[in-house]
C-alpha atoms as a PDB file:
ATOM      1  CA  MET A   1     -65.714 -63.212 -15.999  1.00  0.00           C
ATOM      2  CA  GLY A   2     -64.262 -64.864 -12.905  1.00  0.00           C
ATOM      3  CA  SER A   3     -65.320 -64.294  -9.352  1.00  0.00           C
ATOM      4  CA  ARG A   4     -63.302 -62.439  -6.764  1.00  0.00           C
ATOM      5  CA  GLU A   5     -62.302 -65.821  -5.290  1.00  0.00           C
ATOM      6  CA  ASP A   6     -60.967 -66.913  -8.693  1.00  0.00           C
ATOM      7  CA  PHE A   7     -58.805 -63.799  -8.825  1.00  0.00           C
ATOM      8  CA  ARG A   8     -57.507 -64.422  -5.293  1.00  0.00           C
ATOM      9  CA  ALA A   9     -56.610 -67.986  -6.226  1.00  0.00           C
ATOM     10  CA  ASP A  10     -54.869 -66.825  -9.410  1.00  0.00           C
ATOM     11  CA  TYR A  11     -52.936 -64.160  -7.502  1.00  0.00           C
ATOM     12  CA  GLY A  12     -51.918 -66.730  -4.881  1.00  0.00           C
ATOM     13  CA  GLU A  13     -50.748 -69.035  -7.651  1.00  0.00           C
ATOM     14  CA  LEU A  14     -48.698 -66.219  -9.163  1.00  0.00           C
ATOM     15  CA  LEU A  15     -47.059 -65.441  -5.812  1.00  0.00           C
ATOM     16  CA  ALA A  16     -46.232 -69.098  -5.180  1.00  0.00           C
ATOM     17  CA  LYS A  17     -44.593 -69.335  -8.598  1.00  0.00           C
ATOM     18  CA  LEU A  18     -42.629 -66.120  -8.036  1.00  0.00           C
ATOM     19  CA  VAL A  19     -41.281 -67.383  -4.714  1.00  0.00           C
ATOM     20  CA  ALA A  20     -40.413 -70.778  -6.203  1.00  0.00           C
ATOM     21  CA  ARG A  21     -38.583 -69.137  -9.103  1.00  0.00           C
ATOM     22  CA  ARG A  22     -36.728 -66.784  -6.757  1.00  0.00           C
ATOM     23  CA  ARG A  23     -35.579 -69.678  -4.621  1.00  0.00           C
ATOM     24  CA  ALA A  24     -34.627 -71.783  -7.646  1.00  0.00           C
ATOM     25  CA  ALA A  25     -32.489 -68.897  -8.881  1.00  0.00           C
ATOM     26  CA  GLY A  26     -30.692 -68.809  -5.522  1.00  0.00           C
ATOM     27  CA  VAL A  27     -31.849 -65.253  -4.863  1.00  0.00           C
ATOM     28  CA  THR A  28     -32.751 -64.209  -1.313  1.00  0.00           C
ATOM     29  CA  GLN A  29     -35.419 -61.756  -0.262  1.00  0.00           C
ATOM     30  CA  GLU A  30     -32.606 -59.452   0.803  1.00  0.00           C
ATOM     31  CA  ASP A  31     -31.115 -59.663  -2.709  1.00  0.00           C
ATOM     32  CA  VAL A  32     -34.475 -58.732  -4.227  1.00  0.00           C
ATOM     33  CA  ALA A  33     -34.908 -55.897  -1.733  1.00  0.00           C
ATOM     34  CA  GLN A  34     -31.522 -54.431  -2.598  1.00  0.00           C
ATOM     35  CA  ARG A  35     -32.247 -54.654  -6.326  1.00  0.00           C
ATOM     36  CA  LEU A  36     -35.639 -52.982  -5.875  1.00  0.00           C
ATOM     37  CA  GLY A  37     -34.409 -50.361  -3.425  1.00  0.00           C
ATOM     38  CA  VAL A  38     -36.802 -51.446  -0.664  1.00  0.00           C
ATOM     39  CA  ARG A  39     -36.438 -53.143   2.713  1.00  0.00           C
ATOM     40  CA  GLN A  40     -36.481 -56.942   2.965  1.00  0.00           C
ATOM     41  CA  ASN A  41     -39.715 -56.881   4.971  1.00  0.00           C
ATOM     42  CA  ILE A  42     -41.486 -55.305   1.973  1.00  0.00           C
ATOM     43  CA  VAL A  43     -40.392 -58.204  -0.240  1.00  0.00           C
ATOM     44  CA  SER A  44     -41.671 -60.596   2.431  1.00  0.00           C
ATOM     45  CA  LYS A  45     -45.026 -58.794   2.446  1.00  0.00           C
ATOM     46  CA  TYR A  46     -45.209 -59.039  -1.349  1.00  0.00           C
ATOM     47  CA  GLU A  47     -44.546 -62.766  -1.201  1.00  0.00           C
ATOM     48  CA  LEU A  48     -47.075 -63.354   1.585  1.00  0.00           C
ATOM     49  CA  GLY A  49     -49.726 -61.366  -0.250  1.00  0.00           C
ATOM     50  CA  GLU A  50     -49.926 -58.781   2.537  1.00  0.00           C
ATOM     51  CA  VAL A  51     -49.001 -56.063   0.028  1.00  0.00           C
ATOM     52  CA  ARG A  52     -50.207 -56.519  -3.547  1.00  0.00           C
ATOM     53  CA  LEU A  53     -47.740 -56.101  -6.340  1.00  0.00           C
ATOM     54  CA  ASN A  54     -48.892 -53.661  -8.977  1.00  0.00           C
ATOM     55  CA  VAL A  55     -47.866 -54.260 -12.586  1.00  0.00           C
ATOM     56  CA  VAL A  56     -44.724 -52.144 -12.393  1.00  0.00           C
ATOM     57  CA  GLN A  57     -43.624 -53.770  -9.133  1.00  0.00           C
ATOM     58  CA  TYR A  58     -44.286 -57.229 -10.617  1.00  0.00           C
ATOM     59  CA  VAL A  59     -42.087 -56.468 -13.633  1.00  0.00           C
ATOM     60  CA  ARG A  60     -39.312 -55.088 -11.421  1.00  0.00           C
ATOM     61  CA  TYR A  61     -39.528 -58.106  -9.080  1.00  0.00           C
ATOM     62  CA  CYS A  62     -39.280 -60.496 -12.032  1.00  0.00           C
ATOM     63  CA  ARG A  63     -36.277 -58.687 -13.435  1.00  0.00           C
ATOM     64  CA  ALA A  64     -34.641 -58.702  -9.983  1.00  0.00           C
ATOM     65  CA  ILE A  65     -34.708 -62.509 -10.022  1.00  0.00           C
ATOM     66  CA  GLY A  66     -33.776 -62.852 -13.707  1.00  0.00           C
ATOM     67  CA  LEU A  67     -37.221 -63.872 -14.909  1.00  0.00           C
ATOM     68  CA  ASP A  68     -39.123 -62.732 -17.996  1.00  0.00           C
ATOM     69  CA  PRO A  69     -42.303 -61.131 -16.572  1.00  0.00           C
ATOM     70  CA  GLY A  70     -44.500 -62.618 -19.292  1.00  0.00           C
ATOM     71  CA  GLU A  71     -43.413 -66.174 -18.577  1.00  0.00           C
ATOM     72  CA  LEU A  72     -45.397 -66.610 -15.361  1.00  0.00           C
ATOM     73  CA  LEU A  73     -48.374 -64.549 -16.456  1.00  0.00           C
ATOM     74  CA  ASP A  74     -48.998 -66.913 -19.324  1.00  0.00           C
ATOM     75  CA  SER A  75     -49.348 -69.853 -16.922  1.00  0.00           C
ATOM     76  CA  VAL A  76     -51.629 -68.273 -14.309  1.00  0.00           C
ATOM     77  CA  GLY A  77     -55.353 -68.918 -14.330  1.00  0.00           C
ATOM     78  CA  ARG A  78     -55.388 -71.698 -16.869  1.00  0.00           C
ATOM     79  CA  TYR A  79     -58.218 -74.140 -16.384  1.00  0.00           C
END
């Protein structure tokens, strides 16, 4: 089982990939916020890791940017 630091690194990797995919799709934080029914600053906090995404929020975020939620999960934490 990995250490807490391993999990932080994996979560950071996941966030970086989410942001990159959002940007590549041409979707703004405001677009995501509107699709999720939250304020833009909440999306910013998700992306900065200030507020952790739970599983349901992660799935909704992925769908808001047109991404299959399983696609990124499969690539995170591979050594």
